Protein backbone atom coordinates (compact mmCIF):
# COMPACT_ATOMS: atom_id res chain seq x y z
CA MET A 1 96.42 -98.64 46.75
CA SER A 2 100.27 -98.60 46.89
CA ARG A 3 99.77 -97.44 43.58
CA LEU A 4 97.39 -94.84 44.13
CA VAL A 5 99.95 -93.15 46.32
CA LEU A 6 102.78 -93.05 43.72
CA ASN A 7 100.29 -91.58 41.26
CA ALA A 8 99.67 -89.39 43.68
CA LEU A 9 103.20 -87.99 44.49
CA SER A 10 103.96 -88.19 40.54
CA LEU A 11 100.57 -85.94 39.29
CA VAL A 12 101.43 -83.44 42.56
CA SER A 13 104.92 -83.08 41.49
CA THR A 14 104.18 -82.77 38.28
CA LEU A 15 102.16 -80.14 38.62
CA VAL A 16 103.36 -77.85 41.38
CA LEU A 17 106.55 -78.08 38.86
CA ALA A 18 104.93 -76.48 35.79
CA ARG A 19 103.08 -73.92 38.04
CA LEU A 20 106.92 -72.64 39.60
CA LEU A 21 108.84 -73.13 36.24
CA VAL A 22 108.48 -72.43 32.62
CA PRO A 23 108.29 -74.80 30.05
CA ALA A 24 111.56 -74.34 28.39
CA ASP A 25 112.71 -75.83 32.00
CA PHE A 26 111.02 -79.00 31.17
CA GLY A 27 112.72 -79.00 27.97
CA ILE A 28 116.38 -79.22 29.48
CA VAL A 29 115.88 -81.65 31.38
CA ALA A 30 113.88 -83.89 29.03
CA ILE A 31 117.11 -83.60 27.28
CA ALA A 32 119.30 -84.70 29.93
CA THR A 33 116.29 -87.15 30.72
CA ALA A 34 116.73 -88.62 27.21
CA ALA A 35 120.43 -88.78 26.85
CA LEU A 36 120.78 -90.36 30.16
CA GLU A 37 118.11 -93.13 29.23
CA PHE A 38 120.04 -94.11 25.86
CA VAL A 39 123.44 -94.24 27.28
CA VAL A 40 121.85 -96.63 30.29
CA ALA A 41 120.02 -98.33 27.83
CA LEU A 42 123.56 -99.31 26.59
CA THR A 43 124.65 -100.85 29.77
CA GLU A 44 121.46 -102.49 30.19
CA LEU A 45 122.42 -106.15 31.63
CA SER A 46 118.13 -106.79 32.50
CA LEU A 47 119.91 -108.27 35.37
CA SER A 48 116.64 -108.31 37.23
CA ALA A 49 114.62 -110.01 35.07
CA ALA A 50 117.80 -112.41 34.69
CA LEU A 51 117.71 -113.26 38.77
CA ILE A 52 113.66 -113.58 38.37
CA GLN A 53 113.98 -115.99 35.23
CA ARG A 54 116.12 -118.71 36.76
CA ARG A 55 114.42 -121.55 38.66
CA TYR A 56 117.20 -122.25 41.17
CA LEU A 57 119.73 -119.56 42.53
CA GLN A 58 122.54 -119.61 44.25
CA ARG A 59 124.73 -116.59 46.66
CA SER A 60 126.91 -116.56 43.83
CA HIS A 61 124.28 -115.41 41.16
CA VAL A 62 123.18 -112.62 43.60
CA ASP A 63 126.72 -111.41 44.76
CA THR A 64 127.75 -111.72 40.58
CA ALA A 65 124.56 -109.41 39.72
CA TRP A 66 125.60 -106.41 42.17
CA THR A 67 129.05 -106.81 41.34
CA MET A 68 128.24 -106.25 37.56
CA ALA A 69 125.44 -103.77 38.79
CA VAL A 70 128.58 -101.92 40.11
CA ILE A 71 130.52 -102.32 37.04
CA ARG A 72 127.64 -101.05 35.43
CA SER A 73 127.60 -97.53 36.97
CA LEU A 74 130.81 -97.04 37.06
CA VAL A 75 130.59 -97.19 32.90
CA VAL A 76 127.49 -94.70 32.59
CA LEU A 77 129.33 -92.17 35.12
CA ALA A 78 132.42 -92.08 32.87
CA VAL A 79 130.35 -91.97 29.40
CA PHE A 80 128.22 -89.50 30.84
CA THR A 81 130.80 -87.29 31.70
CA ALA A 82 132.95 -87.32 28.45
CA LEU A 83 129.36 -86.58 26.83
CA ALA A 84 128.70 -83.88 28.98
CA VAL A 85 130.55 -81.32 26.49
CA PRO A 86 130.40 -82.67 23.24
CA LEU A 87 126.41 -83.23 23.63
CA SER A 88 125.87 -79.23 25.33
CA HIS A 89 127.62 -77.79 21.98
CA ALA A 90 125.22 -80.15 19.82
CA TYR A 91 122.69 -78.29 21.59
CA GLY A 92 124.05 -75.18 22.00
CA ASP A 93 123.23 -74.63 25.74
CA ASP A 94 126.27 -74.83 27.60
CA ARG A 95 123.85 -74.94 30.64
CA LEU A 96 123.67 -78.74 29.69
CA ILE A 97 126.94 -79.71 30.94
CA PRO A 98 126.86 -79.60 34.47
CA VAL A 99 123.50 -81.18 34.04
CA PHE A 100 124.04 -83.92 32.11
CA ILE A 101 127.11 -84.90 34.68
CA VAL A 102 124.70 -84.36 37.82
CA THR A 103 121.92 -86.55 36.13
CA GLY A 104 124.73 -89.37 35.18
CA LEU A 105 125.67 -89.30 39.03
CA THR A 106 121.94 -90.48 39.44
CA ALA A 107 122.43 -93.01 37.51
CA ALA A 108 124.97 -94.35 38.38
CA THR A 109 123.72 -94.27 42.38
CA ILE A 110 120.56 -96.16 41.24
CA ASP A 111 122.49 -99.05 40.25
CA LEU A 112 123.55 -99.86 43.06
CA LEU A 113 120.17 -100.52 44.82
CA ASN A 114 120.17 -104.23 46.97
CA PRO A 115 119.59 -107.05 44.36
CA ARG A 116 117.81 -108.70 47.45
CA VAL A 117 114.56 -106.27 46.10
CA SER A 118 114.57 -108.37 42.89
CA LEU A 119 114.57 -112.05 44.52
CA ARG A 120 111.26 -110.74 46.77
CA MET A 121 109.56 -110.03 43.73
CA LYS A 122 110.59 -113.45 42.48
CA MET A 123 108.37 -115.03 45.05
CA MET A 124 105.71 -112.58 44.38
CA ASP A 125 106.73 -110.21 47.00
CA PHE A 126 106.23 -107.22 45.62
CA ARG A 127 106.54 -104.77 49.19
CA PRO A 128 110.34 -103.76 49.03
CA GLN A 129 110.46 -102.81 45.84
CA PHE A 130 106.90 -100.65 46.31
CA THR A 131 109.19 -99.28 49.57
CA CYS A 132 111.81 -98.48 47.70
CA GLN A 133 109.69 -96.46 44.98
CA ILE A 134 107.40 -94.52 47.67
CA ILE A 135 110.90 -93.43 49.13
CA LYS A 136 112.74 -92.44 45.67
CA ARG A 137 108.83 -90.90 44.94
CA THR A 138 108.58 -88.99 47.87
CA VAL A 139 112.14 -87.64 48.45
CA THR A 140 112.21 -86.34 44.74
CA VAL A 141 109.03 -84.71 45.56
CA ILE A 142 110.27 -82.89 48.33
CA VAL A 143 113.78 -81.65 47.10
CA SER A 144 112.62 -81.17 43.82
CA ILE A 145 109.17 -78.36 44.81
CA THR A 146 111.30 -77.00 47.70
CA LEU A 147 114.11 -76.19 45.51
CA ALA A 148 111.62 -74.93 42.83
CA ILE A 149 110.15 -71.86 45.22
CA LEU A 150 113.55 -71.32 46.18
CA PHE A 151 115.10 -71.12 42.83
CA ARG A 152 112.74 -71.07 39.91
CA SER A 153 115.11 -73.30 38.21
CA TYR A 154 115.26 -76.63 36.02
CA TRP A 155 117.74 -77.73 38.84
CA ALA A 156 114.88 -78.10 41.45
CA MET A 157 114.41 -81.35 38.78
CA ILE A 158 117.63 -82.86 39.08
CA LEU A 159 118.82 -82.31 42.23
CA GLY A 160 115.21 -83.58 43.33
CA SER A 161 115.77 -86.78 41.36
CA ALA A 162 119.36 -87.24 42.47
CA ALA A 163 118.65 -87.14 46.45
CA GLY A 164 115.50 -89.43 45.40
CA ALA A 165 117.83 -91.83 44.22
CA VAL A 166 120.69 -91.75 47.15
CA MET A 167 118.00 -92.15 49.51
CA THR A 168 116.32 -95.13 47.90
CA VAL A 169 119.74 -97.05 47.75
CA ILE A 170 120.46 -96.22 51.56
CA ILE A 171 117.18 -97.62 52.82
CA SER A 172 117.20 -100.78 50.63
CA TYR A 173 120.28 -101.67 52.79
CA ILE A 174 118.78 -100.81 55.70
CA LEU A 175 115.66 -102.90 55.44
CA TRP A 176 116.74 -105.58 53.78
CA PRO A 177 120.55 -106.07 55.03
CA TYR A 178 122.55 -107.54 52.10
CA ILE A 179 126.46 -107.80 52.54
CA PRO A 180 127.94 -107.19 48.82
CA ARG A 181 130.68 -110.11 47.59
CA PHE A 182 133.33 -109.00 44.59
CA THR A 183 132.46 -111.88 42.15
CA LEU A 184 131.70 -112.62 38.60
CA SER A 185 131.24 -116.37 38.93
CA ARG A 186 127.77 -116.45 37.32
CA ALA A 187 128.13 -114.02 35.23
CA ARG A 188 127.72 -116.35 32.28
CA ASP A 189 124.80 -117.87 33.31
CA LEU A 190 123.14 -113.83 33.93
CA LEU A 191 124.29 -113.13 30.77
CA GLY A 192 123.26 -116.07 28.75
CA PHE A 193 119.56 -114.64 29.55
CA SER A 194 119.90 -111.06 28.91
CA SER A 195 122.36 -110.99 26.31
CA TRP A 196 119.00 -110.30 23.86
CA LEU A 197 117.33 -108.18 26.49
CA PHE A 198 120.03 -105.85 26.16
CA ALA A 199 119.59 -105.32 22.59
CA GLU A 200 115.92 -105.40 22.88
CA GLN A 201 116.31 -102.38 25.86
CA VAL A 202 118.51 -100.17 23.59
CA MET A 203 116.07 -100.72 20.78
CA ASN A 204 113.38 -100.01 23.37
CA VAL A 205 114.84 -96.85 24.86
CA LEU A 206 115.58 -95.85 21.27
CA ASN A 207 111.50 -96.02 20.61
CA TRP A 208 110.65 -94.06 23.69
CA ARG A 209 113.19 -91.09 23.87
CA PHE A 210 115.02 -90.87 20.54
CA ASP A 211 112.34 -88.21 19.65
CA GLN A 212 113.23 -85.90 22.57
CA LEU A 213 116.95 -86.08 21.51
CA LEU A 214 116.19 -85.76 17.68
CA SER A 215 113.47 -83.03 18.34
CA GLY A 216 115.79 -80.84 20.95
CA LEU A 217 118.23 -80.38 17.91
CA VAL A 218 115.33 -78.64 15.87
CA LEU A 219 112.79 -77.93 18.13
CA SER A 220 113.07 -74.71 20.47
CA LYS A 221 113.51 -75.40 24.28
CA ARG A 222 109.86 -73.84 25.11
CA GLU A 223 108.45 -76.26 22.19
CA LEU A 224 110.46 -79.23 23.86
CA GLY A 225 109.23 -78.67 27.38
CA LEU A 226 105.55 -78.45 26.28
CA PHE A 227 105.96 -81.86 24.64
CA SER A 228 107.84 -83.37 27.20
CA LEU A 229 105.65 -82.38 29.87
CA ALA A 230 102.58 -83.42 27.30
CA ILE A 231 104.09 -86.88 27.45
CA ASN A 232 105.04 -86.76 31.16
CA LEU A 233 100.95 -86.29 31.59
CA SER A 234 99.33 -88.59 28.81
CA VAL A 235 101.07 -91.96 29.94
CA MET A 236 100.24 -91.42 33.63
CA PRO A 237 96.92 -92.75 33.15
CA SER A 238 98.07 -95.68 30.69
CA ARG A 239 101.16 -96.12 32.45
CA GLU A 240 100.62 -95.98 36.71
CA ILE A 241 97.25 -98.46 35.66
CA THR A 242 99.19 -101.27 34.16
CA ALA A 243 102.65 -100.68 36.75
CA PRO A 244 101.51 -103.46 39.00
CA LEU A 245 99.25 -105.35 36.91
CA VAL A 246 102.89 -105.43 34.38
CA GLN A 247 105.20 -106.34 37.45
CA ALA A 248 103.13 -109.36 37.98
CA LEU A 249 102.75 -110.88 34.91
CA PHE A 250 106.45 -111.73 34.22
CA PRO A 251 106.63 -113.72 37.31
CA GLY A 252 103.04 -115.19 36.87
CA PHE A 253 103.71 -116.42 33.43
CA SER A 254 106.96 -117.87 34.31
CA ASN A 255 105.51 -119.94 36.89
CA VAL A 256 102.78 -121.01 34.49
CA THR A 257 105.29 -121.87 31.17
CA ASP A 258 104.75 -125.87 31.42
CA SER A 259 100.99 -125.85 30.63
CA PRO A 260 100.63 -123.75 27.04
CA ALA A 261 97.22 -123.46 27.44
CA ARG A 262 96.85 -121.69 30.77
CA LEU A 263 99.92 -118.95 29.29
CA ALA A 264 97.75 -118.46 27.08
CA ARG A 265 94.41 -117.83 28.71
CA GLY A 266 96.43 -116.45 31.35
CA TYR A 267 98.04 -113.54 28.88
CA MET A 268 94.49 -113.16 26.82
CA THR A 269 92.37 -112.63 30.24
CA ALA A 270 95.50 -110.27 31.67
CA GLN A 271 95.16 -108.32 27.90
CA ARG A 272 91.78 -108.06 28.24
CA ALA A 273 91.75 -106.36 31.57
CA ILE A 274 94.30 -104.06 31.29
CA GLY A 275 92.32 -102.65 28.00
CA MET A 276 89.26 -102.58 29.44
CA VAL A 277 91.13 -100.30 32.67
CA THR A 278 93.38 -98.17 30.32
CA ILE A 279 91.48 -97.67 26.87
CA PRO A 280 88.81 -95.55 29.32
CA ALA A 281 91.69 -93.84 31.39
CA GLY A 282 93.34 -92.48 28.31
CA VAL A 283 90.09 -91.20 26.18
CA GLY A 284 88.75 -89.82 29.32
CA PHE A 285 92.10 -87.81 29.74
CA ALA A 286 92.25 -86.97 26.48
CA LEU A 287 88.35 -85.58 26.86
CA ALA A 288 89.25 -83.66 30.05
CA ALA A 289 92.22 -82.36 29.20
CA GLN A 290 91.18 -78.60 27.97
CA PRO A 291 89.67 -78.06 31.89
CA PHE A 292 92.19 -80.08 33.61
CA VAL A 293 95.26 -78.16 31.83
CA ALA A 294 93.61 -74.53 32.88
CA LEU A 295 92.72 -75.77 36.17
CA ALA A 296 96.00 -77.81 37.44
CA LEU A 297 98.86 -75.73 34.72
CA GLY A 298 97.55 -72.24 33.64
CA SER A 299 97.56 -70.64 30.18
CA LYS A 300 101.18 -71.06 29.86
CA TRP A 301 100.35 -74.48 28.88
CA ALA A 302 97.29 -73.94 26.80
CA VAL A 303 99.23 -74.82 24.06
CA ALA A 304 99.82 -78.69 25.16
CA VAL A 305 96.37 -78.92 25.39
CA PRO A 306 95.85 -81.18 21.60
CA ILE A 307 98.86 -82.64 22.50
CA ILE A 308 98.00 -84.33 25.42
CA GLN A 309 94.94 -85.67 23.61
CA VAL A 310 96.23 -87.24 20.83
CA LEU A 311 99.39 -88.60 23.18
CA ALA A 312 96.85 -89.99 25.57
CA CYS A 313 94.72 -91.86 23.12
CA SER A 314 97.82 -93.52 21.60
CA PHE A 315 99.39 -94.48 24.71
CA ALA A 316 96.76 -96.17 25.91
CA PHE A 317 96.31 -98.06 22.58
CA GLN A 318 99.99 -99.15 22.69
CA THR A 319 98.74 -101.13 25.68
CA LEU A 320 96.72 -103.54 24.28
CA THR A 321 100.30 -105.59 23.77
CA ILE A 322 101.62 -104.49 26.97
CA GLY A 323 101.80 -108.48 28.22
CA LEU A 324 103.91 -108.98 25.10
CA ARG A 325 107.44 -108.56 26.54
CA SER A 326 106.81 -110.83 30.08
CA LEU A 327 105.43 -113.22 27.77
CA ALA A 328 108.03 -113.47 25.13
CA MET A 329 110.59 -113.31 28.90
CA ALA A 330 108.91 -116.10 30.29
CA MET A 331 109.20 -117.97 27.01
CA GLY A 332 112.69 -117.56 26.78
CA HIS A 333 112.40 -115.42 23.01
CA THR A 334 114.05 -112.67 24.27
CA ARG A 335 115.67 -112.67 20.97
CA LEU A 336 112.07 -111.55 19.35
CA LEU A 337 111.45 -108.77 21.81
CA PHE A 338 114.54 -107.05 19.83
CA PHE A 339 113.19 -107.57 16.32
CA ARG A 340 109.82 -105.83 17.43
CA GLU A 341 112.01 -102.90 18.91
CA ALA A 342 114.51 -102.74 16.00
CA ILE A 343 111.09 -102.75 13.45
CA SER A 344 109.39 -100.48 15.77
CA PHE A 345 112.10 -98.01 15.98
CA ALA A 346 112.77 -98.01 12.04
CA VAL A 347 109.06 -97.21 11.53
CA ARG A 348 108.76 -94.34 14.17
CA LEU A 349 112.19 -92.95 13.26
CA ALA A 350 110.83 -92.66 9.62
CA CYS A 351 107.52 -90.90 10.99
CA VAL A 352 109.38 -88.81 13.26
CA LEU A 353 111.76 -87.24 10.26
CA ALA A 354 109.19 -86.59 8.37
CA GLY A 355 106.80 -84.71 10.89
CA VAL A 356 109.41 -83.49 12.59
CA LEU A 357 110.85 -81.63 8.93
CA LEU A 358 107.32 -80.64 7.52
CA ALA A 359 105.48 -79.79 10.31
CA GLY A 360 107.86 -79.16 13.19
CA LEU A 361 106.08 -79.59 17.13
CA THR A 362 102.65 -81.18 14.92
CA GLY A 363 104.75 -83.10 12.66
CA LEU A 364 106.22 -84.73 15.60
CA VAL A 365 102.92 -84.95 17.66
CA TRP A 366 101.24 -87.08 15.30
CA ALA A 367 104.51 -89.25 14.27
CA ARG A 368 104.65 -90.63 17.69
CA ALA A 369 101.22 -91.15 17.50
CA ILE A 370 100.97 -93.33 14.17
CA SER A 371 104.49 -94.87 14.96
CA ALA A 372 102.50 -96.27 18.01
CA VAL A 373 99.19 -97.38 16.18
CA LEU A 374 102.00 -99.50 13.57
CA GLY A 375 103.55 -100.95 16.76
CA VAL A 376 101.01 -102.11 17.97
CA MET A 377 100.04 -104.65 15.08
CA ILE A 378 103.95 -105.50 15.28
CA ALA A 379 103.32 -106.72 18.51
CA LEU A 380 100.29 -108.32 17.65
CA ASP A 381 102.12 -110.50 14.92
CA MET A 382 104.96 -111.31 17.40
CA VAL A 383 101.48 -112.59 19.81
CA ARG A 384 100.49 -114.48 17.43
CA ARG A 385 103.94 -116.54 16.19
CA LEU A 386 103.64 -116.88 20.09
CA LEU A 387 100.59 -118.16 21.13
CA GLY A 388 98.66 -118.76 18.07
CA PHE A 389 96.23 -116.20 18.52
CA GLY A 390 95.45 -114.42 14.90
CA ILE A 391 95.78 -110.25 14.98
CA VAL A 392 91.96 -109.53 14.32
CA ALA A 393 90.78 -112.45 16.86
CA GLN A 394 93.43 -110.50 20.03
CA MET A 395 91.81 -106.63 18.30
CA ALA A 396 88.02 -108.47 19.04
CA ALA A 397 88.92 -109.45 22.18
CA HIS A 398 88.58 -105.63 23.00
CA PHE A 399 85.16 -105.45 21.44
CA ARG A 400 82.80 -104.37 23.98
CA THR A 401 85.91 -101.97 25.32
CA PHE A 402 86.29 -100.16 22.43
CA VAL A 403 82.37 -99.47 22.20
CA GLY A 404 82.72 -98.24 25.31
CA ALA A 405 85.03 -96.25 24.53
CA ILE A 406 83.48 -94.96 21.64
CA THR A 407 79.32 -94.21 23.65
CA MET A 408 81.59 -92.69 26.07
CA VAL A 409 83.26 -89.91 23.78
CA ALA A 410 80.13 -89.24 21.96
CA VAL A 411 77.97 -88.74 25.34
CA VAL A 412 81.00 -86.38 26.74
CA MET A 413 80.83 -84.41 23.54
CA ALA A 414 77.06 -84.03 23.73
CA ALA A 415 77.44 -82.99 27.41
CA MET A 416 80.16 -79.84 26.29
CA ARG A 417 77.49 -78.87 23.78
CA LEU A 418 75.05 -78.72 26.44
CA LEU A 419 77.14 -76.86 28.47
CA GLY A 420 78.42 -74.10 26.12
CA GLN A 421 81.65 -72.58 25.83
CA GLY A 422 82.95 -70.68 29.30
CA GLU A 423 86.41 -69.20 30.82
CA GLY A 424 86.65 -69.27 34.51
CA THR A 425 87.24 -71.68 37.75
CA ALA A 426 84.21 -72.58 38.30
CA HIS A 427 83.23 -73.39 34.69
CA TYR A 428 86.21 -75.36 34.00
CA ALA A 429 85.59 -77.05 37.20
CA LEU A 430 82.32 -77.92 36.15
CA GLN A 431 83.56 -79.33 32.72
CA LEU A 432 85.94 -81.18 34.53
CA CYS A 433 83.60 -82.83 36.90
CA VAL A 434 80.68 -83.44 33.74
CA THR A 435 83.75 -85.77 31.93
CA ILE A 436 84.58 -87.81 34.17
CA VAL A 437 81.32 -87.95 35.80
CA ALA A 438 79.41 -88.64 32.32
CA GLY A 439 82.15 -90.70 30.45
CA ALA A 440 82.40 -93.55 33.65
CA VAL A 441 79.15 -93.48 33.69
CA ALA A 442 78.68 -93.98 29.65
CA TYR A 443 81.49 -96.44 29.48
CA ILE A 444 80.57 -98.92 32.43
CA ALA A 445 76.67 -98.50 31.44
CA THR A 446 78.09 -99.90 28.03
CA VAL A 447 80.14 -102.12 28.80
CA GLY A 448 78.14 -103.94 31.46
CA ALA A 449 74.70 -104.18 29.20
CA LEU A 450 76.89 -105.90 26.50
CA TRP A 451 78.60 -108.66 28.55
CA ILE A 452 74.89 -109.11 29.92
CA ALA A 453 74.01 -109.52 26.53
CA ALA A 454 76.51 -111.91 26.09
CA GLY A 455 75.47 -114.19 28.67
CA ARG A 456 78.29 -112.83 31.29
CA PRO A 457 80.86 -114.97 29.98
CA GLY A 458 83.67 -115.94 32.60
CA GLY A 459 87.27 -113.77 31.68
CA ALA A 460 88.47 -110.39 32.02
CA GLU A 461 84.98 -108.86 33.53
CA ARG A 462 84.24 -111.69 36.14
CA GLU A 463 87.89 -110.70 37.05
CA LEU A 464 87.71 -106.68 37.29
CA LEU A 465 84.30 -107.39 39.10
CA ASN A 466 85.73 -110.06 41.67
CA ALA A 467 88.81 -107.35 42.04
CA VAL A 468 86.46 -104.44 42.82
CA SER A 469 84.06 -107.10 45.32
CA GLY A 470 87.18 -107.63 47.49
CA VAL A 471 88.60 -103.75 47.71
CA LEU A 472 84.96 -102.81 48.47
CA GLY A 473 85.25 -105.75 51.34
CA ILE A 474 88.18 -104.88 52.71
CA PHE A 475 87.23 -100.91 52.52
CA ARG A 476 83.75 -102.23 54.90
CA ARG A 477 86.00 -104.01 57.33
CA ARG A 478 88.77 -101.35 57.84
CA VAL A 479 86.99 -98.33 57.44
CA VAL A 480 82.92 -98.67 58.03
CA LYS A 481 82.20 -99.55 61.11
CA PRO A 482 78.89 -100.94 62.36
CA ALA A 483 76.37 -99.16 64.64
């Protein structure tokens, strides 16, 4: 339920802002966001992960983490402010100067979040984190939409994010009182764990954002805005579905590192369950992209449809190894993560450079998709090194999921041919409904039939069935009242 609320807020914000603003506005924000995430990555210390990973914590560890976070926030603000003018000149748009400065302030603020939120995660209590997320998202949405209605400017998104960050930090200290003390006495302990994570984080952000920084020098603000919005929408089914699971993987894996067999079994079960949900979600969103964009965003975003279709499938495919980071961190192999990201970055850099220079926006989209597939292959090999599962065995574990997704595509395409071509709100709404219903039925029926034919083995399917049964039981007890 918590993720549903966050997903709904994100979707509402994106759709409303897309209606009120133009693609060029999203292009400006995309440049600022990409630059910010790169600067943040250069100063990343992975302090929350270090606190979670340590078995025995003292108050001095928490105070040290907070002190280092304060220092980091000041460094981020200073660096981003210093880069504002040269970066704006590089992109040929002086409007970016104040945008960079305000965005830097936002990042510096969120760094000051109460470290007790991370401590509760160590105890598998994610309520504080969700509370902070919901506050940040709600404030951001309200402020952004209000300013967009009033001024129709990209500043709506910039100031909305700033307001959300400020409110989140304030509330975190009100709800979970913590009086920090300045100290660096445990800095060596925390940095010993996070040094390789720092390097990995830099590579991770480069992998995620550098194409927007690079393409911003070549593409128009409108094209970059189309690409940015397409990414935001395409990643939503995969990211929002996996977010709560991924958050639980690291603490969960950390608790069973003394049992290699349990760790391996837990990883494969979790990865199969994630893929069983994200693959149909991503592919389904790609199938529904055309009527969805027509209904929700309007004609000015129609060019984004093929971009969304390609990216939604590639993001879904990437989730097949999304548990690797948590696995490697739990096992203490953070250096392996760095090498994974470095190799993936080299591959993506070559693909994106060739794609943008040869085919512009279209080349960028396909470069992103191709590099995503190659990145998954690299990650599968890393899992092989850690757990001993071969690449073919890892992919074969998703056999029923792949067959179900292929069946879903075939059924939906056949249904669309029966509906025929058409325009107007009613036709697009019918297309969207048919796509969702036909796709869901085809996928669930196919995967279910294959699972039954295999003898109903334990694993991801059974875990998902138990989870659904539990949710339905709660619904019946709380919502459905006896006659």
